[in-house]
Amino acid sequence: MADDPRASFGPVAANYSRSKFHTSADRLQEVVDLAKPLKGDLVLDVATGTGNTAFALAPHVRRVVGLDLTQEMLDVAKRLAKERDIENTDWVLGDACRLPFADETFDLYVVRAAPHHFPRFDEFVREAFRVLRPGRDAAFIDCAPPQPARDVLHEVEKRRDPSHVLSLTVDEWTEQLQSAGFEVEIARARELDWDYEDWMRTMAVRPELTAELATVIEAAEGEAREQLHPERRDGKLWHAYWHCLIRAHKPD
């Protein structure tokens, strides 16, 4: 059983408004390109965190509702929205697996870098399908390593953040979405050159554990090592990390 994400993310909420991955202009443009928002859309950004994805979508749509389980995250998002004069956002405390919205409410559903924390993945997918209007689309981005690398990274993920549950492969994602009724239009994995120390810093992992978990990655063997290809550059560990980029359609 995973730990409560609120215990993991509450104390480090502000870090997510500065995280290289979560705030990267390239990574946020990637979301916009995948989601293809329309001007009149009402968008749900699930597990919005400090609002990075919601802010990227806001200029392209009518309104964005950012939902998160952690109040501290939403408090940062609200402050940033005010500071940046972004007025077409709302912030809702809620659970991705039990969304507090009526059926067929949203034109676009988006979630990024969060589903690996969800303890009831099938419920999360069914809820995404339920609140989306027929004929409209959803965009899913989450960590999705190939299985040999996942077997190594899973230990690192769990010890870095006890609320981690499981990273699905792209094929596993596709199966889950199709089972819920979605038509999967795009499903691919994207590999990034991953800054290990920045990844640990985002969750405020203590230095001793950061060093210990680095040895787990560097000790990978066989196919997992080929996939992760860990290396030291100026003393810092870098390795491969993957995300799925999935666009799915709810039939009319």
Protein backbone atom coordinates (compact mmCIF):
# COMPACT_ATOMS: atom_id res chain seq x y z
CA MET A 1 0.00 0.00 0.00
CA ALA A 2 1.42 3.37 -1.01
CA ASP A 3 1.77 6.18 1.49
CA ASP A 4 -0.61 9.14 1.32
CA PRO A 5 0.69 11.52 -1.40
CA ARG A 6 -0.28 14.48 0.78
CA ALA A 7 2.38 13.47 3.28
CA SER A 8 4.97 13.33 0.49
CA PHE A 9 4.05 16.44 -1.44
CA GLY A 10 2.78 18.89 1.17
CA PRO A 11 6.22 19.70 2.60
CA VAL A 12 7.87 20.08 -0.84
CA ALA A 13 5.04 21.83 -2.71
CA ALA A 14 7.07 24.95 -3.51
CA ASN A 15 9.77 22.82 -5.16
CA TYR A 16 7.35 21.86 -7.92
CA SER A 17 6.97 25.47 -8.99
CA ARG A 18 10.75 25.46 -9.66
CA SER A 19 11.40 21.88 -10.82
CA LYS A 20 13.31 21.69 -14.11
CA PHE A 21 11.00 19.07 -15.58
CA HIS A 22 7.70 20.46 -14.32
CA THR A 23 8.42 24.05 -15.41
CA SER A 24 10.40 23.40 -18.62
CA ALA A 25 9.01 25.42 -21.55
CA ASP A 26 9.74 22.51 -23.90
CA ARG A 27 7.94 20.00 -21.70
CA LEU A 28 4.94 22.29 -21.26
CA GLN A 29 4.74 22.92 -25.01
CA GLU A 30 4.77 19.15 -25.39
CA VAL A 31 1.55 19.02 -23.35
CA VAL A 32 -0.12 21.71 -25.45
CA ASP A 33 0.89 19.99 -28.69
CA LEU A 34 -0.43 16.64 -27.47
CA ALA A 35 -3.68 17.98 -26.01
CA LYS A 36 -4.58 20.28 -28.95
CA PRO A 37 -6.77 22.63 -26.86
CA LEU A 38 -9.52 24.71 -28.48
CA LYS A 39 -10.44 28.27 -27.52
CA GLY A 40 -13.86 27.38 -26.12
CA ASP A 41 -12.69 24.40 -24.09
CA LEU A 42 -13.33 23.80 -20.41
CA VAL A 43 -10.27 21.83 -19.32
CA LEU A 44 -9.63 19.61 -16.33
CA ASP A 45 -5.99 19.39 -15.28
CA VAL A 46 -5.79 16.49 -12.84
CA ALA A 47 -3.04 16.40 -10.21
CA THR A 48 -2.23 19.95 -11.22
CA GLY A 49 0.32 20.34 -8.43
CA THR A 50 1.47 23.95 -8.43
CA GLY A 51 -0.42 24.62 -11.67
CA ASN A 52 2.37 24.40 -14.25
CA THR A 53 0.29 22.51 -16.82
CA ALA A 54 -2.83 24.55 -16.12
CA PHE A 55 -0.90 27.77 -16.74
CA ALA A 56 0.44 26.42 -20.04
CA LEU A 57 -3.08 25.56 -21.23
CA ALA A 58 -4.86 28.67 -19.92
CA PRO A 59 -3.98 31.01 -22.84
CA HIS A 60 -5.46 28.53 -25.32
CA VAL A 61 -8.84 27.77 -23.70
CA ARG A 62 -11.92 29.25 -22.06
CA ARG A 63 -11.13 27.97 -18.57
CA VAL A 64 -8.95 25.45 -16.74
CA VAL A 65 -9.91 23.66 -13.55
CA GLY A 66 -6.82 22.46 -11.70
CA LEU A 67 -7.51 19.59 -9.30
CA ASP A 68 -5.09 18.23 -6.72
CA LEU A 69 -5.20 16.10 -3.58
CA THR A 70 -2.72 18.33 -1.71
CA GLN A 71 -3.87 21.69 -0.38
CA GLU A 72 -0.31 23.03 -0.12
CA MET A 73 0.14 22.49 -3.86
CA LEU A 74 -3.08 24.35 -4.64
CA ASP A 75 -2.09 27.21 -2.34
CA VAL A 76 1.08 27.72 -4.42
CA ALA A 77 -0.93 27.50 -7.67
CA LYS A 78 -3.42 30.11 -6.47
CA ARG A 79 -0.60 32.46 -5.48
CA LEU A 80 1.16 32.05 -8.82
CA ALA A 81 -2.07 32.60 -10.76
CA LYS A 82 -2.59 35.87 -8.93
CA GLU A 83 1.03 36.96 -9.42
CA ARG A 84 0.84 36.21 -13.15
CA ASP A 85 -2.64 37.74 -13.65
CA ILE A 86 -4.03 34.45 -14.96
CA GLU A 87 -7.77 34.80 -14.38
CA ASN A 88 -9.29 31.80 -16.19
CA THR A 89 -8.26 29.16 -13.67
CA ASP A 90 -10.08 27.52 -10.77
CA TRP A 91 -8.52 25.28 -8.13
CA VAL A 92 -10.30 22.28 -6.62
CA LEU A 93 -9.19 19.94 -3.86
CA GLY A 94 -10.02 16.40 -4.94
CA ASP A 95 -9.04 12.85 -5.79
CA ALA A 96 -8.32 11.72 -9.36
CA CYS A 97 -10.03 8.40 -8.57
CA ARG A 98 -13.24 10.06 -7.30
CA LEU A 99 -13.65 13.27 -9.26
CA PRO A 100 -16.12 15.78 -7.75
CA PHE A 101 -17.71 16.62 -11.11
CA ALA A 102 -20.80 15.57 -13.04
CA ASP A 103 -20.66 13.24 -16.02
CA GLU A 104 -19.59 14.78 -19.36
CA THR A 105 -18.48 18.11 -17.85
CA PHE A 106 -15.16 18.75 -19.62
CA ASP A 107 -14.02 19.24 -23.20
CA LEU A 108 -10.44 18.24 -22.47
CA TYR A 109 -8.87 16.11 -19.73
CA VAL A 110 -5.16 16.37 -18.99
CA VAL A 111 -2.90 14.69 -16.44
CA ARG A 112 0.89 14.90 -16.29
CA ALA A 113 3.53 13.14 -14.21
CA ALA A 114 1.07 11.88 -11.59
CA PRO A 115 -0.76 8.61 -12.38
CA HIS A 116 2.11 6.50 -11.05
CA HIS A 117 0.95 7.72 -7.62
CA PHE A 118 -2.66 6.60 -8.08
CA PRO A 119 -3.46 3.48 -6.02
CA ARG A 120 -6.57 2.57 -8.03
CA PHE A 121 -5.47 3.04 -11.61
CA ASP A 122 -8.58 1.51 -13.18
CA GLU A 123 -10.81 3.90 -11.22
CA PHE A 124 -8.71 6.89 -12.29
CA VAL A 125 -9.10 5.92 -15.97
CA ARG A 126 -12.84 5.32 -15.65
CA GLU A 127 -13.25 8.70 -13.95
CA ALA A 128 -11.36 10.41 -16.76
CA PHE A 129 -13.72 8.79 -19.26
CA ARG A 130 -16.80 9.66 -17.20
CA VAL A 131 -16.22 13.42 -16.88
CA LEU A 132 -15.17 13.92 -20.51
CA ARG A 133 -17.76 14.95 -23.06
CA PRO A 134 -18.42 12.51 -25.90
CA GLY A 135 -16.36 13.23 -28.99
CA ARG A 136 -13.62 14.96 -27.02
CA ASP A 137 -10.09 14.08 -25.96
CA ALA A 138 -7.71 13.38 -23.12
CA ALA A 139 -3.93 13.71 -22.85
CA PHE A 140 -1.93 11.49 -20.50
CA ILE A 141 1.76 12.02 -19.72
CA ASP A 142 3.47 9.96 -17.06
CA CYS A 143 6.69 8.13 -16.34
CA ALA A 144 6.69 4.96 -18.46
CA PRO A 145 10.01 3.10 -18.57
CA PRO A 146 10.47 -0.11 -20.53
CA GLN A 147 10.06 -3.08 -18.22
CA PRO A 148 13.72 -4.01 -17.57
CA ALA A 149 14.55 -0.42 -16.60
CA ARG A 150 11.33 -0.20 -14.60
CA ASP A 151 12.42 -3.15 -12.48
CA VAL A 152 15.47 -1.12 -11.42
CA LEU A 153 13.78 2.27 -11.14
CA HIS A 154 10.86 0.96 -9.10
CA GLU A 155 13.03 0.55 -5.99
CA VAL A 156 14.48 4.02 -6.50
CA GLU A 157 11.04 5.56 -7.03
CA LYS A 158 9.54 3.92 -3.93
CA ARG A 159 12.39 4.94 -1.65
CA ARG A 160 12.59 8.46 -3.11
CA ASP A 161 8.84 8.91 -2.64
CA PRO A 162 6.78 6.34 -0.67
CA SER A 163 3.59 7.48 -2.43
CA HIS A 164 4.86 6.01 -5.71
CA VAL A 165 2.76 3.01 -6.78
CA LEU A 166 3.85 1.83 -10.24
CA SER A 167 4.97 3.25 -13.58
CA LEU A 168 3.09 1.57 -16.42
CA THR A 169 4.62 0.76 -19.78
CA VAL A 170 3.03 2.28 -22.89
CA ASP A 171 1.39 -1.06 -23.73
CA GLU A 172 -0.07 -1.31 -20.23
CA TRP A 173 -1.41 2.23 -20.52
CA THR A 174 -3.03 1.45 -23.85
CA GLU A 175 -4.73 -1.64 -22.46
CA GLN A 176 -6.11 0.27 -19.47
CA LEU A 177 -7.46 3.13 -21.58
CA GLN A 178 -9.09 0.86 -24.13
CA SER A 179 -10.71 -1.17 -21.35
CA ALA A 180 -12.32 2.06 -20.08
CA GLY A 181 -13.75 2.85 -23.52
CA PHE A 182 -11.16 5.25 -24.92
CA GLU A 183 -9.90 5.10 -28.48
CA VAL A 184 -6.13 5.56 -28.26
CA GLU A 185 -4.93 7.83 -31.07
CA ILE A 186 -1.29 8.37 -30.05
CA ALA A 187 0.75 6.25 -27.64
CA ARG A 188 4.51 6.50 -27.55
CA ALA A 189 7.37 6.72 -25.10
CA ARG A 190 9.71 9.69 -25.02
CA GLU A 191 13.17 9.32 -23.52
CA LEU A 192 14.91 12.15 -21.67
CA ASP A 193 18.45 12.65 -20.43
CA TRP A 194 17.66 12.74 -16.70
CA ASP A 195 19.41 14.84 -14.08
CA TYR A 196 19.40 12.43 -11.15
CA GLU A 197 20.39 14.97 -8.50
CA ASP A 198 17.70 17.45 -9.55
CA TRP A 199 15.15 14.63 -9.43
CA MET A 200 16.15 13.81 -5.86
CA ARG A 201 16.24 17.49 -4.87
CA THR A 202 12.64 18.05 -5.95
CA MET A 203 11.50 15.63 -3.24
CA ALA A 204 14.10 16.90 -0.73
CA VAL A 205 15.71 13.47 -0.45
CA ARG A 206 18.41 13.49 2.19
CA PRO A 207 22.00 13.28 0.86
CA GLU A 208 22.71 9.82 2.32
CA LEU A 209 19.70 8.27 0.59
CA THR A 210 20.43 10.18 -2.63
CA ALA A 211 23.89 8.58 -2.71
CA GLU A 212 22.53 5.14 -1.87
CA LEU A 213 19.87 5.19 -4.57
CA ALA A 214 22.42 6.35 -7.15
CA THR A 215 24.27 3.07 -6.59
CA VAL A 216 21.09 1.14 -7.42
CA ILE A 217 20.93 2.77 -10.85
CA GLU A 218 24.66 2.52 -11.48
CA ALA A 219 24.63 -1.19 -10.54
CA ALA A 220 21.99 -2.03 -13.18
CA GLU A 221 22.97 -4.92 -15.43
CA GLY A 222 22.04 -6.41 -18.78
CA GLU A 223 19.14 -4.94 -20.72
CA ALA A 224 18.20 -2.56 -17.89
CA ARG A 225 21.68 -1.05 -17.94
CA GLU A 226 21.58 -0.67 -21.72
CA GLN A 227 18.28 1.18 -21.40
CA LEU A 228 19.29 3.38 -18.46
CA HIS A 229 22.88 3.97 -19.69
CA PRO A 230 23.93 5.72 -16.44
CA GLU A 231 27.00 7.95 -16.58
CA ARG A 232 28.82 10.48 -14.45
CA ARG A 233 29.46 13.95 -15.85
CA ASP A 234 31.54 16.24 -13.70
CA GLY A 235 30.68 13.94 -10.81
CA LYS A 236 26.91 14.14 -11.37
CA LEU A 237 24.80 11.12 -12.32
CA TRP A 238 22.72 11.22 -15.49
CA HIS A 239 20.58 8.40 -16.85
CA ALA A 240 17.66 7.77 -19.17
CA TYR A 241 14.09 8.39 -18.05
CA TRP A 242 10.91 7.86 -20.03
CA HIS A 243 7.40 9.26 -20.21
CA CYS A 244 4.41 8.06 -22.18
CA LEU A 245 2.74 10.62 -24.43
CA ILE A 246 -0.82 9.46 -25.01
CA ARG A 247 -3.77 11.13 -26.69
CA ALA A 248 -7.09 9.31 -26.34
CA HIS A 249 -10.56 10.01 -27.70
CA LYS A 250 -13.97 9.43 -26.11
CA PRO A 251 -16.30 8.22 -28.88
CA ASP A 252 -19.55 10.07 -29.62
